[in-house]
C-alpha cells in the first residue's frame, strides 16, 4: 500500500533569519522583539553568543526581546556546537568585543573551513588564530577592527559576506561576490537604518552608521518546507498547504528547480515585510529531470540533497553542478547523497562539484542510511523512504533537532495510507 501526504502545516521559523535575528540586534541600539524564531539547538547557540557579547536576551509572550548592550569580554569559551552560522557570523559580532575571544564547536564543526572568515578579519586589524594553519576551529580573536577593507570574494557565501559586514560596522567595508548569495543580512541591516548600498557592479558598501533595533517576524523556513514540497510533489494524490513560508528571491532555488521539473506548486504571496512570505500549495504530479547549476544551485544549496531524491524519482536525467560547497557542510553531502541514493537502487554518478542522476524507481532490500549527524541528509532520506516498499532505516536521525525538531511529528500528521 502506498502513501500520500495531505493537510496543512506551519513549518518552523527560518533558521538563517533566526540566527541573524539574535546576532545582529546585539550590535544595535534599542530592543528588537523577535517573533517565530526557530527553537533549535543551532539557534540556541546564536542566542548564547549574543548574550556572551553583551546583549540581553529574554523570552516573553511575543517571542524574544533582544537588547543590545555594551560589548564585553566573553566570560568563557563560546561553544557554537554544530552551528557554522553561529561561528562565522559570531566572529563578525565578537570582532567588536574587548579582550580575548575563543570560539569552538563539536567535532563536525571543528573540521569545517574557517580561513575565508579569518583572512578578512585579519585584514581589518584583528589578530586571529586557528588550528591547521588558521583554517579550523577552535578560533582565537584578539584586538579589534582598526581599519576598513575591500573584499572581492572568490566564492559566494552568505555566511562569509555577513561576517565581513558585521565586523565592518564601525569602520565601514566593501564586499562583492561572484554570484549573489542569500541577502537576509542586507535586508535586516537596511531595516535597522544601516548605511548600506548595493552598487550596480555588485559591490556592497557599508559605511559607519547607527543601527537601531527593529521588530523581526521570522518567516517559515523554505529549507524545511522543501521536504514537504519534494515529498508531496512525488507522491500521486498528495496535497499539502504550507502557510507563511519565506520566499526570499535569493534563496528560492528549490521552488524554481521543482517548477522546472514539472511540480504542481501554487504560490500565494502575503503582505510585504522585511522578508517576503507566501502560502505554498503543492500537489502530486509527474516530474522530469532538469539541470541545476550556476545561480540556481547556489540559491538551492541547502535543498540539493532532497532535490537529488526528487531527481532519482523523476523521468530522465538530472545534472547537479557548481555545488562543491556541499562537500564542506555538516558532512560531505555530495558523497553521502550519492551513497544514499545508490542504497535505494538509484543510478548516480558522483562528480567533484555535484552529481548526475538517472531517474527511475527505488528497489532492492530496505535501505539502511546513516545520516552521520547531518540533519538535512536525515530528512531527505526520510522523504526517500516514502517511496521504498519497505521504507528506510535511518541511523543518527536525531540530528533533525538542529533545524526541524518537529519533523517526524509533522511527517506522521501528513502521512495518509491509500
Protein backbone atom coordinates (compact mmCIF):
# COMPACT_ATOMS: atom_id res chain seq x y z
CA UNK A 1 0.00 0.00 0.00
CA UNK A 2 1.38 3.40 -0.99
CA UNK A 3 1.13 6.66 0.91
CA UNK A 4 0.22 10.20 0.14
CA UNK A 5 0.61 13.42 2.11
CA UNK A 6 -2.42 15.61 2.81
CA UNK A 7 -3.01 18.50 5.17
CA UNK A 8 -1.73 21.90 6.24
CA UNK A 9 1.25 22.53 8.50
CA UNK A 10 3.20 25.59 9.55
CA UNK A 11 6.90 24.87 9.25
CA UNK A 12 9.30 26.21 11.91
CA UNK A 13 10.84 29.66 11.67
CA UNK A 14 13.59 30.22 9.14
CA UNK A 15 16.92 29.02 10.51
CA UNK A 16 19.08 31.56 8.67
CA UNK A 17 16.87 34.50 9.64
CA UNK A 18 16.58 33.27 13.25
CA UNK A 19 20.37 33.29 13.67
CA UNK A 20 20.54 36.85 12.38
CA UNK A 21 17.55 37.97 14.48
CA UNK A 22 19.59 37.31 17.64
CA UNK A 23 23.11 38.18 16.49
CA UNK A 24 22.59 41.43 14.57
CA UNK A 25 20.46 43.29 17.17
CA UNK A 26 23.29 42.63 19.63
CA UNK A 27 25.20 45.29 17.66
CA UNK A 28 22.27 47.73 17.55
CA UNK A 29 20.75 50.30 19.87
CA UNK A 30 17.38 49.57 21.46
CA UNK A 31 15.32 46.38 21.72
CA UNK A 32 14.16 44.02 18.97
CA UNK A 33 11.12 41.81 19.51
CA UNK A 34 11.77 38.56 17.63
CA UNK A 35 8.69 36.50 16.79
CA UNK A 36 8.52 32.93 15.39
CA UNK A 37 12.26 32.28 15.82
CA UNK A 38 13.28 28.68 15.27
CA UNK A 39 13.59 26.85 18.59
CA UNK A 40 16.50 24.54 17.79
CA UNK A 41 19.95 23.64 19.05
CA UNK A 42 21.76 25.69 16.40
CA UNK A 43 19.77 28.88 17.01
CA UNK A 44 20.20 28.47 20.78
CA UNK A 45 23.96 28.72 20.16
CA UNK A 46 23.48 32.11 18.48
CA UNK A 47 21.31 33.34 21.35
CA UNK A 48 24.06 32.34 23.77
CA UNK A 49 26.73 34.07 21.68
CA UNK A 50 24.68 37.30 21.60
CA UNK A 51 24.49 37.17 25.40
CA UNK A 52 28.22 36.43 25.68
CA UNK A 53 28.83 39.58 23.61
CA UNK A 54 26.78 41.71 26.00
CA UNK A 55 23.20 41.65 24.70
CA UNK A 56 20.24 40.90 26.97
CA UNK A 57 18.04 38.13 25.56
CA UNK A 58 14.74 37.50 27.34
CA UNK A 59 11.78 35.32 26.38
CA UNK A 60 8.33 36.89 26.75
CA UNK A 61 4.78 36.35 25.48
CA UNK A 62 5.53 37.67 22.00
CA UNK A 63 8.68 35.68 21.47
CA UNK A 64 12.10 37.04 22.41
CA UNK A 65 13.37 40.52 23.32
CA UNK A 66 16.95 41.24 22.28
CA UNK A 67 18.55 44.40 23.67
CA UNK A 68 21.98 45.45 22.56
CA UNK A 69 24.39 46.24 25.37
CA UNK A 70 27.94 47.48 25.83
CA UNK A 71 30.32 44.88 24.36
CA UNK A 72 32.17 42.86 26.97
CA UNK A 73 34.85 40.21 27.01
CA UNK A 74 33.09 36.84 26.76
CA UNK A 75 33.23 35.19 30.20
CA UNK A 76 34.40 31.86 28.83
CA UNK A 77 34.94 29.92 25.62
CA UNK A 78 31.92 30.34 23.31
CA UNK A 79 30.68 26.90 22.22
CA UNK A 80 28.99 27.05 18.81
CA UNK A 81 28.00 23.38 18.89
CA UNK A 82 27.33 22.19 15.33
CA UNK A 83 26.39 25.64 14.02
CA UNK A 84 28.65 27.03 11.32
CA UNK A 85 26.40 30.10 11.05
CA UNK A 86 26.93 30.88 14.74
CA UNK A 87 30.69 30.57 14.41
CA UNK A 88 31.07 32.55 11.21
CA UNK A 89 28.60 35.36 11.92
CA UNK A 90 29.67 35.25 15.56
CA UNK A 91 33.21 36.15 14.53
CA UNK A 92 31.79 39.30 12.92
CA UNK A 93 29.93 40.19 16.13
CA UNK A 94 32.78 39.34 18.51
CA UNK A 95 35.18 41.43 16.39
CA UNK A 96 33.72 44.33 18.41
CA UNK A 97 34.20 42.74 21.86
CA UNK A 98 37.21 43.56 24.04
CA UNK A 99 39.84 41.16 25.28
CA UNK A 100 40.35 37.56 24.22
CA UNK A 101 37.58 35.72 22.35
CA UNK A 102 37.66 31.95 21.85
CA UNK A 103 35.10 30.08 19.73
CA UNK A 104 34.87 26.33 19.43
CA UNK A 105 32.31 23.70 18.42
CA UNK A 106 31.65 19.99 18.20
CA UNK A 107 33.80 17.51 16.28
CA UNK A 108 32.00 18.18 13.00
CA UNK A 109 32.26 21.97 13.23
CA UNK A 110 35.95 21.79 14.10
CA UNK A 111 36.60 20.13 10.72
CA UNK A 112 34.84 22.83 8.69
CA UNK A 113 36.89 25.53 6.88
CA UNK A 114 37.19 28.93 8.57
CA UNK A 115 40.02 30.55 6.59
CA UNK A 116 37.56 32.58 4.49
CA UNK A 117 36.43 34.29 7.72
CA UNK A 118 39.77 34.66 9.45
CA UNK A 119 41.56 36.17 6.42
CA UNK A 120 39.23 39.21 6.15
CA UNK A 121 39.21 39.70 9.93
CA UNK A 122 42.99 39.83 9.92
CA UNK A 123 42.93 42.40 7.12
CA UNK A 124 40.58 44.54 9.23
CA UNK A 125 43.17 44.56 12.02
CA UNK A 126 42.30 41.69 14.33
CA UNK A 127 44.82 39.12 15.47
CA UNK A 128 43.30 35.74 14.58
CA UNK A 129 44.39 32.19 15.24
CA UNK A 130 43.04 28.72 14.49
CA UNK A 131 44.19 25.14 14.02
CA UNK A 132 45.83 23.72 10.90
CA UNK A 133 47.27 26.92 9.53
CA UNK A 134 44.44 29.09 10.87
CA UNK A 135 41.82 27.17 8.89
CA UNK A 136 39.97 25.23 11.60
CA UNK A 137 38.33 25.89 14.97
CA UNK A 138 38.89 26.48 17.84
CA UNK A 139 39.36 30.12 16.85
CA UNK A 140 41.02 32.85 18.91
CA UNK A 141 40.42 36.56 18.29
CA UNK A 142 42.42 39.42 19.85
CA UNK A 143 42.33 43.15 19.35
CA UNK A 144 39.70 44.98 17.36
CA UNK A 145 38.74 46.34 13.95
CA UNK A 146 41.27 49.06 13.16
CA UNK A 147 40.64 49.84 9.51
CA UNK A 148 38.25 49.44 6.62
CA UNK A 149 38.67 46.80 3.93
CA UNK A 150 37.64 45.79 0.42
CA UNK A 151 36.96 42.12 -0.27
CA UNK A 152 36.27 40.60 -3.68
CA UNK A 153 35.26 37.11 -2.60
CA UNK A 154 36.32 34.18 -4.82
CA UNK A 155 33.32 32.06 -3.72
CA UNK A 156 29.79 33.26 -2.98
CA UNK A 157 28.92 32.68 0.67
CA UNK A 158 26.22 34.42 2.69
CA UNK A 159 27.99 33.50 5.93
CA UNK A 160 31.35 34.96 4.86
CA UNK A 161 29.70 38.07 3.42
CA UNK A 162 27.65 38.57 6.58
CA UNK A 163 30.63 38.14 8.90
CA UNK A 164 32.53 40.81 6.97
CA UNK A 165 29.58 43.22 7.05
CA UNK A 166 29.10 42.77 10.80
CA UNK A 167 32.80 43.17 11.51
CA UNK A 168 32.84 46.32 9.36
CA UNK A 169 30.15 48.16 11.33
CA UNK A 170 32.44 50.72 12.96
CA UNK A 171 34.91 51.45 10.14
CA UNK A 172 32.94 50.52 7.03
CA UNK A 173 33.68 47.81 4.50
CA UNK A 174 33.16 46.85 0.84
CA UNK A 175 32.45 43.30 -0.30
CA UNK A 176 31.50 41.61 -3.57
CA UNK A 177 30.63 38.03 -4.52
CA UNK A 178 30.95 36.30 -7.89
CA UNK A 179 27.25 35.43 -7.60
CA UNK A 180 24.67 36.84 -5.24
CA UNK A 181 24.10 34.70 -2.13
CA UNK A 182 21.10 34.97 0.21
CA UNK A 183 20.55 38.54 1.38
CA UNK A 184 18.94 38.13 4.82
CA UNK A 185 21.70 40.19 6.45
CA UNK A 186 21.39 43.05 3.98
CA UNK A 187 17.60 43.19 4.40
CA UNK A 188 17.82 43.34 8.19
CA UNK A 189 20.65 45.88 8.21
CA UNK A 190 18.70 48.13 5.83
CA UNK A 191 15.59 47.89 8.04
CA UNK A 192 17.76 48.87 11.03
CA UNK A 193 18.99 52.02 9.29
CA UNK A 194 22.46 50.88 8.30
CA UNK A 195 24.13 52.98 5.59
CA UNK A 196 24.36 50.11 3.12
CA UNK A 197 24.43 50.49 -0.66
CA UNK A 198 24.28 47.80 -3.32
CA UNK A 199 26.06 49.11 -6.42
CA UNK A 200 25.21 48.13 -9.97
CA UNK A 201 28.54 46.31 -10.35
CA UNK A 202 27.72 44.02 -7.43
CA UNK A 203 29.70 45.74 -4.70
CA UNK A 204 28.08 46.07 -1.27
CA UNK A 205 29.31 49.17 0.54
CA UNK A 206 28.69 49.60 4.26
CA UNK A 207 29.54 52.96 5.82
CA UNK A 208 29.76 53.64 9.57
CA UNK A 209 26.27 54.43 10.86
CA UNK A 210 23.88 53.98 13.76
CA UNK A 211 21.91 50.74 13.78
CA UNK A 212 18.56 50.85 15.56
CA UNK A 213 16.82 47.62 16.54
CA UNK A 214 13.55 46.74 14.79
CA UNK A 215 10.98 44.03 15.46
CA UNK A 216 11.54 40.89 13.40
CA UNK A 217 8.88 38.44 12.24
CA UNK A 218 10.78 35.32 11.22
CA UNK A 219 9.16 33.63 8.19
CA UNK A 220 8.60 29.90 7.90
CA UNK A 221 11.76 28.19 6.71
CA UNK A 222 11.74 27.38 2.99
CA UNK A 223 14.53 24.86 3.59
CA UNK A 224 12.21 23.00 5.98
CA UNK A 225 9.22 23.39 3.66
CA UNK A 226 11.35 21.89 0.88
CA UNK A 227 10.96 18.40 2.33
CA UNK A 228 7.15 18.60 2.10
CA UNK A 229 7.32 20.23 -1.34
CA UNK A 230 9.53 17.38 -2.55
CA UNK A 231 7.55 14.63 -0.84
CA UNK A 232 4.10 15.80 -1.93
CA UNK A 233 5.24 16.58 -5.49
CA UNK A 234 6.48 13.00 -5.92
CA UNK A 235 3.51 11.19 -4.32
CA UNK A 236 0.36 10.98 -6.52
CA UNK A 237 -2.80 12.14 -4.76
CA UNK A 238 -0.95 14.36 -2.30
CA UNK A 239 -1.86 17.95 -1.45
CA UNK A 240 -0.02 19.93 1.23
CA UNK A 241 -0.61 23.56 2.22
CA UNK A 242 2.29 25.49 3.78
CA UNK A 243 1.33 28.98 5.05
CA UNK A 244 3.75 31.80 5.88
CA UNK A 245 6.84 30.38 4.16
CA UNK A 246 9.74 32.68 3.29
CA UNK A 247 10.17 33.15 -0.45
CA UNK A 248 13.22 35.41 -0.50
CA UNK A 249 14.31 35.50 -4.18
CA UNK A 250 17.98 34.96 -3.24
CA UNK A 251 17.18 31.52 -1.84
CA UNK A 252 14.06 30.34 -3.67
CA UNK A 253 16.07 28.00 -5.87
CA UNK A 254 14.25 24.92 -4.57
CA UNK A 255 10.94 26.37 -5.80
CA UNK A 256 12.38 27.22 -9.21
CA UNK A 257 14.07 23.82 -9.51
CA UNK A 258 10.89 21.92 -8.64
CA UNK A 259 8.82 24.02 -11.04
CA UNK A 260 11.38 23.33 -13.78
CA UNK A 261 10.90 19.63 -13.06
CA UNK A 262 7.15 19.96 -13.55
CA UNK A 263 5.98 20.20 -9.92
CA UNK A 264 2.43 21.48 -9.33
CA UNK A 265 3.08 24.31 -6.86
CA UNK A 266 0.89 27.39 -6.30
CA UNK A 267 2.49 30.45 -4.68
CA UNK A 268 0.11 32.89 -2.93
CA UNK A 269 2.10 35.97 -1.73
CA UNK A 270 1.46 37.59 1.65
CA UNK A 271 1.75 41.28 2.56
CA UNK A 272 5.33 42.51 2.32
CA UNK A 273 7.61 42.69 5.36
CA UNK A 274 11.40 42.62 5.86
CA UNK A 275 11.32 39.11 4.39
CA UNK A 276 8.72 38.17 1.71
CA UNK A 277 6.43 35.26 2.57
CA UNK A 278 3.72 33.25 0.81
CA UNK A 279 1.35 30.32 1.22
CA UNK A 280 2.61 27.38 -0.85
CA UNK A 281 0.26 24.66 -2.10
CA UNK A 282 1.85 21.54 -3.64
CA UNK A 283 0.13 18.60 -5.30
CA UNK A 284 1.46 15.32 -6.63
CA UNK A 285 2.41 15.41 -10.31
CA UNK A 286 4.62 13.78 -12.92
CA UNK A 287 8.19 15.10 -12.78
CA UNK A 288 11.06 15.22 -15.26
CA UNK A 289 14.80 15.70 -14.89
CA UNK A 290 16.44 19.13 -15.06
CA UNK A 291 19.82 20.88 -14.85
CA UNK A 292 20.55 22.56 -11.52
CA UNK A 293 23.74 24.60 -11.71
CA UNK A 294 25.15 28.13 -11.50
CA UNK A 295 22.95 30.62 -9.69
CA UNK A 296 20.16 28.06 -9.32
CA UNK A 297 22.48 25.67 -7.47
CA UNK A 298 23.64 28.48 -5.17
CA UNK A 299 20.05 29.54 -4.44
CA UNK A 300 19.10 25.95 -3.55
CA UNK A 301 22.32 24.79 -1.90
CA UNK A 302 20.79 23.59 1.38
CA UNK A 303 17.95 21.87 -0.50
CA UNK A 304 20.11 19.99 -3.02
CA UNK A 305 20.07 16.73 -1.01
CA UNK A 306 16.27 16.48 -1.17
CA UNK A 307 16.26 17.73 -4.78
CA UNK A 308 18.59 14.82 -5.56
CA UNK A 309 15.98 12.47 -4.09
CA UNK A 310 13.34 14.07 -6.33
CA UNK A 311 15.64 13.68 -9.32
CA UNK A 312 16.04 9.96 -8.62
CA UNK A 313 12.24 9.61 -8.84
CA UNK A 314 11.72 11.85 -11.90
CA UNK A 315 11.75 10.76 -15.52
CA UNK A 316 15.05 11.29 -17.31
CA UNK A 317 18.41 12.71 -16.27
CA UNK A 318 19.17 15.44 -13.73
CA UNK A 319 22.55 17.17 -13.52
CA UNK A 320 23.56 18.96 -10.30
CA UNK A 321 26.71 21.05 -10.78
CA UNK A 322 28.58 24.08 -9.34
CA UNK A 323 27.80 22.79 -5.84
CA UNK A 324 31.25 21.89 -4.47
CA UNK A 325 30.35 23.85 -1.31
CA UNK A 326 28.20 20.83 -0.37
CA UNK A 327 31.38 18.95 0.48
CA UNK A 328 32.16 21.27 3.43
CA UNK A 329 28.75 21.38 5.08
CA UNK A 330 27.84 19.34 8.19
CA UNK A 331 29.13 16.40 6.16
CA UNK A 332 30.34 15.79 2.61
CA UNK A 333 26.81 15.97 1.27
CA UNK A 334 27.79 15.08 -2.29
CA UNK A 335 29.45 11.79 -1.32
CA UNK A 336 26.79 10.85 1.20
CA UNK A 337 23.81 11.72 -1.01
CA UNK A 338 25.32 9.63 -3.80
CA UNK A 339 25.91 6.70 -1.43
CA UNK A 340 22.41 7.01 0.00
CA UNK A 341 20.70 7.10 -3.40
CA UNK A 342 22.68 4.07 -4.52
CA UNK A 343 21.46 2.25 -1.40
CA UNK A 344 17.92 2.89 -2.71
CA UNK A 345 18.87 1.37 -6.06
CA UNK A 346 19.24 4.66 -7.96
CA UNK A 347 21.83 5.16 -10.71
CA UNK A 348 24.07 8.10 -9.74
CA UNK A 349 27.43 9.36 -10.98
CA UNK A 350 29.44 11.37 -8.44
CA UNK A 351 31.31 14.43 -9.69
CA UNK A 352 33.63 16.86 -7.85
CA UNK A 353 31.01 19.62 -7.79
CA UNK A 354 27.79 17.61 -7.90
CA UNK A 355 26.26 14.51 -9.46
CA UNK A 356 24.35 13.09 -12.42
CA UNK A 357 21.18 11.18 -11.52
CA UNK A 358 19.19 8.88 -13.78
CA UNK A 359 15.55 8.91 -12.71
CA UNK A 360 13.54 5.78 -12.10
CA UNK A 361 12.10 3.79 -9.23
CA UNK A 362 13.60 2.70 -5.96
CA UNK A 363 14.04 -1.01 -5.29
CA UNK A 364 16.12 -3.69 -3.66
CA UNK A 365 16.24 -4.50 0.05
CA UNK A 366 15.24 -1.99 2.69
CA UNK A 367 17.99 0.66 2.76
CA UNK A 368 19.92 1.48 5.92
CA UNK A 369 21.06 5.13 5.82
CA UNK A 370 23.48 6.65 8.33
CA UNK A 371 22.82 10.41 8.41
CA UNK A 372 26.19 10.97 10.12
CA UNK A 373 24.66 13.68 12.31
CA UNK A 374 23.62 15.75 9.26
CA UNK A 375 20.04 16.97 9.68
CA UNK A 376 19.36 17.61 6.00
CA UNK A 377 20.51 14.14 5.00
CA UNK A 378 18.27 12.58 7.65
CA UNK A 379 15.20 14.43 6.37
CA UNK A 380 16.00 13.95 2.68
CA UNK A 381 16.24 10.18 3.08
CA UNK A 382 13.12 10.10 5.25
CA UNK A 383 11.38 11.53 2.17
CA UNK A 384 13.04 8.88 0.01
CA UNK A 385 11.78 6.20 2.38
CA UNK A 386 8.19 7.12 1.50
CA UNK A 387 8.89 5.67 -1.96
CA UNK A 388 10.50 2.36 -0.96
CA UNK A 389 8.11 -0.56 -0.42
CA UNK A 390 9.89 -1.42 2.83
CA UNK A 391 10.60 2.13 3.99
CA UNK A 392 14.04 3.11 5.27
CA UNK A 393 16.12 2.53 8.39
CA UNK A 394 17.62 5.86 9.46
CA UNK A 395 20.59 5.97 11.81
CA UNK A 396 21.64 9.11 13.68
CA UNK A 397 18.48 10.90 12.57
CA UNK A 398 18.24 12.75 15.90
CA UNK A 399 20.27 15.48 14.17
CA UNK A 400 16.96 16.91 12.85
CA UNK A 401 16.84 18.78 16.19
CA UNK A 402 19.35 21.28 14.81
CA UNK A 403 16.85 22.75 12.33
CA UNK A 404 13.44 20.99 12.47
CA UNK A 405 12.72 19.35 15.85
CA UNK A 406 9.11 18.53 14.90
CA UNK A 407 9.93 16.97 11.52
CA UNK A 408 8.90 13.40 12.30
CA UNK A 409 5.74 14.59 14.10
CA UNK A 410 4.76 16.60 11.02
CA UNK A 411 5.52 13.63 8.78
CA UNK A 412 3.18 11.44 10.83
CA UNK A 413 0.47 14.13 10.75
CA UNK A 414 0.61 14.47 6.93
CA UNK A 415 1.05 10.82 6.08
CA UNK A 416 -2.09 9.10 4.82
CA UNK A 417 -2.27 5.49 3.63
CA UNK A 418 -4.24 4.79 0.49
